[in-house]
N, C-alpha and C. Protein backbone atom coordinates (compact mmCIF):
# COMPACT_ATOMS: atom_id res chain seq x y z
N MET A 1 0.74 -1.06 0.00
CA MET A 1 0.26 -0.02 -0.20
C MET A 1 1.01 0.99 0.29
N PRO A 2 0.53 2.53 -0.84
CA PRO A 2 1.00 3.61 -0.87
C PRO A 2 1.49 4.12 -0.17
N PRO A 3 2.63 5.16 -0.11
CA PRO A 3 2.49 6.00 0.94
C PRO A 3 0.80 6.50 1.60
N PRO A 4 0.03 7.35 -0.06
CA PRO A 4 -0.91 8.10 0.63
C PRO A 4 -2.29 7.47 1.06
N VAL A 5 -2.22 6.25 0.16
CA VAL A 5 -2.94 5.41 0.17
C VAL A 5 -3.12 5.35 2.41
N ARG A 6 -2.57 4.67 2.27
CA ARG A 6 -2.33 4.72 4.08
C ARG A 6 -2.48 5.38 4.78
N THR A 7 -1.84 7.10 4.26
CA THR A 7 -2.81 8.15 4.87
C THR A 7 -4.30 8.26 5.00
N ALA A 8 -4.37 8.03 4.10
CA ALA A 8 -5.84 8.48 3.78
C ALA A 8 -6.47 7.70 4.87
N ARG A 9 -6.12 6.61 5.15
CA ARG A 9 -7.22 5.16 5.10
C ARG A 9 -6.94 6.20 7.03
N ILE A 10 -5.77 6.15 7.34
CA ILE A 10 -5.70 6.58 8.64
C ILE A 10 -6.71 7.88 8.97
N LEU A 11 -6.70 8.55 7.89
CA LEU A 11 -7.08 9.65 8.81
C LEU A 11 -8.49 9.02 8.54
N LEU A 12 -9.59 8.35 6.83
CA LEU A 12 -10.85 8.11 7.31
C LEU A 12 -10.42 7.46 8.92
N TRP A 13 -10.78 7.11 9.51
CA TRP A 13 -10.94 6.42 10.32
C TRP A 13 -10.62 7.23 11.91
N ILE A 14 -10.22 8.47 11.55
CA ILE A 14 -9.98 9.49 12.53
C ILE A 14 -11.09 10.01 12.31
N ASN A 15 -11.58 10.28 10.93
CA ASN A 15 -12.78 11.09 10.61
C ASN A 15 -14.37 10.54 10.70
N ILE A 16 -13.88 9.14 11.00
CA ILE A 16 -14.43 7.93 11.58
C ILE A 16 -15.97 8.34 12.38
N ALA A 17 -14.32 7.74 13.55
CA ALA A 17 -14.79 8.42 15.50
C ALA A 17 -14.70 9.66 15.39
N LEU A 18 -14.59 10.13 14.76
CA LEU A 18 -14.91 11.97 14.68
C LEU A 18 -16.96 12.24 14.74
N THR A 19 -16.59 11.06 13.87
CA THR A 19 -17.27 11.46 13.06
C THR A 19 -18.52 10.91 14.27
N GLY A 20 -18.51 9.56 14.94
CA GLY A 20 -19.61 9.06 16.32
C GLY A 20 -19.46 9.25 16.52
N LEU A 21 -19.22 10.03 17.80
CA LEU A 21 -19.43 10.67 18.60
C LEU A 21 -20.52 12.26 18.36
N ALA A 22 -19.98 12.52 16.86
CA ALA A 22 -21.27 13.62 17.05
C ALA A 22 -21.90 13.33 16.45
N VAL A 23 -22.68 11.70 16.25
CA VAL A 23 -23.73 11.30 16.41
C VAL A 23 -24.16 10.86 17.37
N VAL A 24 -23.54 10.30 18.14
CA VAL A 24 -23.43 9.67 19.07
C VAL A 24 -24.16 11.39 20.71
N PHE A 25 -23.64 12.62 20.60
CA PHE A 25 -24.17 13.85 20.55
C PHE A 25 -25.16 14.35 20.03
N LEU A 26 -25.31 14.13 18.96
CA LEU A 26 -26.76 14.68 18.87
C LEU A 26 -27.89 13.06 18.76
N THR A 27 -27.87 11.97 18.75
CA THR A 27 -28.55 11.71 19.79
C THR A 27 -29.01 11.19 21.09
N LEU A 28 -28.22 12.02 21.51
CA LEU A 28 -28.43 11.82 23.50
C LEU A 28 -29.34 13.41 22.86
N LEU A 29 -28.63 14.48 22.50
CA LEU A 29 -29.26 16.09 21.94
C LEU A 29 -31.04 15.96 21.79
N ALA A 30 -31.01 15.01 21.07
CA ALA A 30 -33.07 14.52 20.61
C ALA A 30 -33.54 13.21 21.93
N ILE A 31 -32.39 12.48 22.11
CA ILE A 31 -33.15 12.37 24.08
C ILE A 31 -33.56 13.06 25.06
N ALA A 32 -33.13 14.40 25.53
CA ALA A 32 -33.40 15.15 25.23
C ALA A 32 -34.29 16.85 25.66
N ALA A 33 -33.91 16.75 23.25
CA ALA A 33 -35.40 16.68 23.47
C ALA A 33 -36.50 16.28 23.40
N SER A 34 -36.42 15.60 23.48
CA SER A 34 -38.08 15.12 23.47
C SER A 34 -38.44 15.10 24.71
N SER A 35 -38.02 14.90 25.49
CA SER A 35 -38.43 15.09 26.81
C SER A 35 -39.04 16.12 27.48
N GLN A 36 -38.31 17.23 26.62
CA GLN A 36 -39.12 18.69 26.80
C GLN A 36 -40.64 19.31 26.21
N GLY A 37 -40.60 17.57 25.52
CA GLY A 37 -42.18 17.80 24.99
C GLY A 37 -41.82 18.06 22.81
N PRO A 38 -43.92 18.66 22.55
CA PRO A 38 -43.03 18.87 21.53
C PRO A 38 -43.28 20.36 20.80
N GLY A 39 -42.93 20.62 19.50
CA GLY A 39 -42.34 22.03 19.80
C GLY A 39 -40.55 21.89 20.10
N THR A 40 -39.68 21.03 19.95
CA THR A 40 -39.35 21.33 20.20
C THR A 40 -37.38 21.62 19.30
N GLY A 41 -38.00 21.28 18.22
CA GLY A 41 -36.61 21.03 16.65
C GLY A 41 -36.90 19.48 16.75
N LEU A 42 -36.92 19.12 17.44
CA LEU A 42 -36.36 17.08 16.61
C LEU A 42 -36.31 16.90 16.18
N GLY A 43 -37.68 17.44 15.03
CA GLY A 43 -38.00 16.22 13.93
C GLY A 43 -36.62 16.68 13.41
N LEU A 44 -35.99 18.49 13.13
CA LEU A 44 -34.97 18.95 12.65
C LEU A 44 -33.75 18.36 13.38
N LEU A 45 -33.69 18.21 15.17
CA LEU A 45 -32.83 16.81 14.98
C LEU A 45 -32.88 16.22 14.64
N PHE A 46 -33.09 15.02 14.58
CA PHE A 46 -33.48 13.66 13.41
C PHE A 46 -33.18 13.90 11.63
N LEU A 47 -33.53 14.22 11.32
CA LEU A 47 -32.91 15.30 9.87
C LEU A 47 -31.27 14.89 10.29
N VAL A 48 -30.94 15.81 11.13
CA VAL A 48 -29.05 16.28 11.09
C VAL A 48 -29.03 15.20 11.07
N MET A 49 -29.52 14.10 12.57
CA MET A 49 -28.63 13.25 12.63
C MET A 49 -28.83 11.69 11.46
N VAL A 50 -29.47 12.05 10.86
CA VAL A 50 -29.90 10.69 9.24
C VAL A 50 -29.00 11.17 8.35
N LEU A 51 -28.59 12.61 8.68
CA LEU A 51 -27.30 13.28 7.27
C LEU A 51 -25.94 13.14 7.60
N SER A 52 -25.95 12.95 8.98
CA SER A 52 -24.61 12.21 9.16
C SER A 52 -24.30 11.21 9.13
N VAL A 53 -25.09 10.29 9.33
CA VAL A 53 -25.79 8.24 9.64
C VAL A 53 -24.91 8.68 8.88
N ILE A 54 -26.09 8.48 7.37
CA ILE A 54 -25.75 8.09 5.94
C ILE A 54 -24.22 8.05 4.90
N PRO A 55 -23.93 9.33 5.80
CA PRO A 55 -22.21 9.39 5.36
C PRO A 55 -21.43 8.40 5.44
N LEU A 56 -21.66 8.64 7.34
CA LEU A 56 -21.16 7.78 8.32
C LEU A 56 -20.55 6.21 7.84
N VAL A 57 -21.69 5.83 7.33
CA VAL A 57 -21.79 4.74 7.00
C VAL A 57 -21.14 4.02 5.53
N LEU A 58 -21.29 4.73 4.77
CA LEU A 58 -20.20 5.22 3.40
C LEU A 58 -18.96 5.05 3.74
N THR A 59 -18.89 6.04 4.92
CA THR A 59 -17.47 6.00 4.29
C THR A 59 -16.27 4.79 5.25
N ILE A 60 -17.18 4.17 6.58
CA ILE A 60 -17.05 2.78 7.58
C ILE A 60 -16.65 1.35 6.34
N VAL A 61 -17.71 1.98 5.53
CA VAL A 61 -18.05 0.94 3.98
C VAL A 61 -16.55 0.70 3.16
N LEU A 62 -16.33 2.22 2.82
CA LEU A 62 -15.50 2.65 2.17
C LEU A 62 -13.75 2.46 1.95
N THR A 63 -13.72 2.75 3.63
CA THR A 63 -12.95 2.39 3.97
C THR A 63 -12.15 1.24 4.82
N ALA A 64 -13.97 0.49 5.20
CA ALA A 64 -12.89 -1.37 5.51
C ALA A 64 -12.19 -1.87 3.69
N ARG A 65 -12.63 -1.40 2.80
CA ARG A 65 -12.13 -2.18 1.49
C ARG A 65 -11.00 -1.46 0.54
N ILE A 66 -10.45 -0.63 0.91
CA ILE A 66 -9.96 -0.25 1.28
C ILE A 66 -8.10 -0.98 0.21
N ALA A 67 -8.30 -1.94 1.50
CA ALA A 67 -7.34 -3.02 0.99
C ALA A 67 -7.73 -4.05 -0.01
N SER A 68 -8.95 -3.93 -0.99
CA SER A 68 -9.26 -4.96 -1.67
C SER A 68 -9.02 -4.01 -3.02
N ARG A 69 -7.96 -3.08 -2.59
CA ARG A 69 -7.73 -1.64 -4.23
C ARG A 69 -8.95 -1.96 -5.13
N ARG A 70 -10.01 -2.29 -4.80
CA ARG A 70 -11.43 -1.61 -6.06
C ARG A 70 -10.94 -1.08 -6.82
N ARG A 71 -11.18 -0.34 -7.78
CA ARG A 71 -11.06 1.00 -8.27
C ARG A 71 -12.76 2.34 -7.87
N TRP A 72 -13.21 1.16 -7.11
CA TRP A 72 -14.74 1.62 -7.56
C TRP A 72 -14.93 2.31 -5.91
N VAL A 73 -13.39 1.77 -4.94
CA VAL A 73 -13.63 1.71 -3.52
C VAL A 73 -12.98 3.50 -3.64
N ARG A 74 -12.09 3.88 -4.49
CA ARG A 74 -11.37 5.68 -4.70
C ARG A 74 -12.31 6.07 -5.34
N VAL A 75 -12.98 5.76 -6.57
CA VAL A 75 -13.78 6.31 -6.65
C VAL A 75 -15.42 6.75 -5.99
N GLY A 76 -15.25 5.96 -4.84
CA GLY A 76 -17.06 6.33 -3.67
C GLY A 76 -16.32 7.76 -2.95
N LEU A 77 -14.65 6.86 -2.87
CA LEU A 77 -13.43 7.63 -2.08
C LEU A 77 -13.80 9.70 -1.88
N ILE A 78 -13.50 9.23 -3.03
CA ILE A 78 -13.65 10.85 -4.21
C ILE A 78 -14.17 12.08 -4.07
N VAL A 79 -16.04 10.83 -4.04
CA VAL A 79 -17.20 11.12 -4.07
C VAL A 79 -17.73 11.59 -3.09
N LEU A 80 -17.21 11.22 -1.94
CA LEU A 80 -17.56 10.87 -0.83
C LEU A 80 -16.90 12.36 -0.34
N MET A 81 -15.44 11.90 -0.14
CA MET A 81 -15.15 13.67 0.14
C MET A 81 -15.59 15.06 -0.29
N ALA A 82 -15.87 14.62 -1.58
CA ALA A 82 -15.88 16.00 -1.94
C ALA A 82 -17.58 16.80 -1.47
N VAL A 83 -18.40 16.03 -1.33
CA VAL A 83 -19.71 15.90 -0.90
C VAL A 83 -19.24 16.33 0.62
N ASN A 84 -18.95 15.99 0.96
CA ASN A 84 -18.93 17.05 2.63
C ASN A 84 -17.52 17.32 2.95
N ILE A 85 -16.88 18.30 1.67
CA ILE A 85 -16.42 18.76 1.29
C ILE A 85 -17.00 20.36 1.14
N VAL A 86 -17.92 20.14 1.04
CA VAL A 86 -19.32 20.79 0.22
C VAL A 86 -20.21 21.37 1.64
N GLY A 87 -19.97 20.17 2.08
CA GLY A 87 -21.38 19.84 3.51
C GLY A 87 -20.41 21.63 4.42
N TYR A 88 -19.25 20.77 4.14
CA TYR A 88 -18.97 21.08 5.76
C TYR A 88 -18.63 22.92 5.55
N LEU A 89 -18.11 22.95 3.95
CA LEU A 89 -18.00 24.51 4.06
C LEU A 89 -19.87 25.62 4.25
N LEU A 90 -20.63 24.03 4.07
CA LEU A 90 -22.31 25.39 4.44
C LEU A 90 -22.58 25.83 5.57
N ASN A 91 -22.06 23.87 5.86
CA ASN A 91 -21.73 24.10 8.00
C ASN A 91 -21.34 25.64 8.29
N MET A 92 -20.32 26.10 7.88
CA MET A 92 -19.46 26.36 8.78
C MET A 92 -20.24 28.56 7.68
N VAL A 93 -20.09 28.14 6.62
CA VAL A 93 -20.96 29.49 6.07
C VAL A 93 -23.08 30.04 6.43
N ASN A 94 -23.71 28.97 7.42
CA ASN A 94 -24.77 28.52 7.91
C ASN A 94 -24.86 28.58 9.07
N GLY A 95 -23.35 28.85 9.77
CA GLY A 95 -22.93 29.71 11.12
C GLY A 95 -23.07 27.94 11.81
N GLY A 96 -22.32 26.96 11.60
CA GLY A 96 -22.24 25.63 11.65
C GLY A 96 -20.84 25.86 12.95
N SER A 97 -20.01 24.74 14.22
CA SER A 97 -19.52 25.01 14.72
C SER A 97 -17.64 25.73 13.87
N PRO A 98 -17.28 26.15 13.91
CA PRO A 98 -16.43 26.52 13.19
C PRO A 98 -15.07 25.74 13.16
N THR A 99 -14.80 25.30 14.19
CA THR A 99 -13.98 24.38 14.83
C THR A 99 -14.09 23.17 14.62
N ALA A 100 -15.16 21.69 14.35
CA ALA A 100 -15.23 20.92 14.09
C ALA A 100 -16.00 20.96 12.51
N ALA A 101 -16.72 21.59 12.38
CA ALA A 101 -16.41 22.15 10.19
C ALA A 101 -15.37 22.87 9.94
N GLY A 102 -14.47 23.27 10.33
CA GLY A 102 -13.27 23.53 9.89
C GLY A 102 -12.13 22.07 10.23
N LEU A 103 -12.85 21.34 11.63
CA LEU A 103 -11.26 19.78 10.90
C LEU A 103 -11.93 18.84 10.73
N ALA A 104 -13.29 18.59 10.18
CA ALA A 104 -13.86 17.35 9.32
C ALA A 104 -13.21 17.82 7.79
N LEU A 105 -13.30 19.06 7.98
CA LEU A 105 -13.22 19.81 6.16
C LEU A 105 -11.66 19.75 5.70
N ALA A 106 -10.60 19.81 6.90
CA ALA A 106 -9.63 19.78 6.70
C ALA A 106 -9.35 17.93 6.56
N LEU A 107 -9.38 17.16 7.14
CA LEU A 107 -8.89 15.79 7.40
C LEU A 107 -10.33 14.35 6.47
N SER A 108 -11.08 16.30 5.53
CA SER A 108 -11.51 15.58 4.31
C SER A 108 -10.81 16.36 3.02
N VAL A 109 -10.61 17.46 3.30
CA VAL A 109 -9.66 18.02 1.15
C VAL A 109 -8.33 16.62 1.58
N ALA A 110 -8.23 16.36 2.99
CA ALA A 110 -6.16 15.17 2.54
C ALA A 110 -6.49 14.30 2.57
N VAL A 111 -7.86 14.00 2.69
CA VAL A 111 -8.36 12.82 1.79
C VAL A 111 -8.58 12.47 0.61
N LEU A 112 -9.38 13.72 0.36
CA LEU A 112 -9.50 13.78 -1.53
C LEU A 112 -7.94 13.70 -2.32
N ILE A 113 -6.82 14.57 -1.67
CA ILE A 113 -5.33 15.06 -2.16
C ILE A 113 -4.75 13.13 -2.37
N CYS A 114 -4.97 13.21 -1.29
CA CYS A 114 -4.33 11.56 -1.05
C CYS A 114 -5.20 11.07 -1.48
N MET A 115 -6.55 10.24 -2.49
CA MET A 115 -7.43 10.44 -2.85
C MET A 115 -6.67 10.24 -4.79
N LEU A 116 -6.75 11.26 -4.82
CA LEU A 116 -5.83 12.09 -6.04
C LEU A 116 -4.85 12.08 -6.19
N ARG A 117 -3.70 11.98 -5.80
CA ARG A 117 -2.18 11.05 -6.37
C ARG A 117 -2.34 10.05 -6.99
N GLN A 118 -1.28 10.09 -8.20
CA GLN A 118 -0.56 9.73 -8.35
C GLN A 118 -0.13 7.72 -8.03
N GLU A 119 0.10 8.03 -6.80
CA GLU A 119 0.91 5.71 -6.68
C GLU A 119 -0.87 5.90 -6.34
N SER A 120 -1.86 6.33 -5.62
CA SER A 120 -2.96 6.06 -5.41
C SER A 120 -3.88 4.97 -6.10
N ARG A 121 -3.72 6.79 -7.50
CA ARG A 121 -4.32 6.18 -8.68
C ARG A 121 -3.61 4.52 -9.16
N ALA A 122 -2.51 4.43 -9.72
CA ALA A 122 -2.16 2.84 -10.20
C ALA A 122 -2.43 2.35 -8.51
N TRP A 123 -2.58 2.46 -7.87
CA TRP A 123 -2.75 1.02 -6.63
C TRP A 123 -3.29 0.75 -6.57
N PHE A 124 -4.80 1.36 -6.59
CA PHE A 124 -6.27 0.89 -6.73
C PHE A 124 -6.43 0.33 -8.44
N ASP A 125 -5.63 0.76 -9.61
CA ASP A 125 -6.26 0.36 -10.93
C ASP A 125 -5.81 -0.87 -11.27
N GLN A 126 -4.62 -2.17 -10.19
CA GLN A 126 -3.93 -2.52 -10.94
C GLN A 126 -5.03 -3.62 -10.20
């Protein structure tokens, strides 16, 4: 496994851990909000939770499949990281946590750069 792919895999597992913590936090927040009664924005919180879990599951699946050297894994990671980057930028522009979104944005950009390197392409194309 070339260094850019190894680096991307490590960064992806870090991203998975941080996103998992965020989902746990959102779940606890949803539980607390549900005890406050109707009109507490529980539907919106649930939507945000779902929109966090879908990319998390995709990231886990693709990261676990890196060693398979399948081209679709690399393409999937490139697309997923590009979508993540747009999402994190929108999050930052719309008043989201600049620290959390900035860290996630940096991880996504770093993974994208690693996946776009020639060594990564050659390794997945074999």
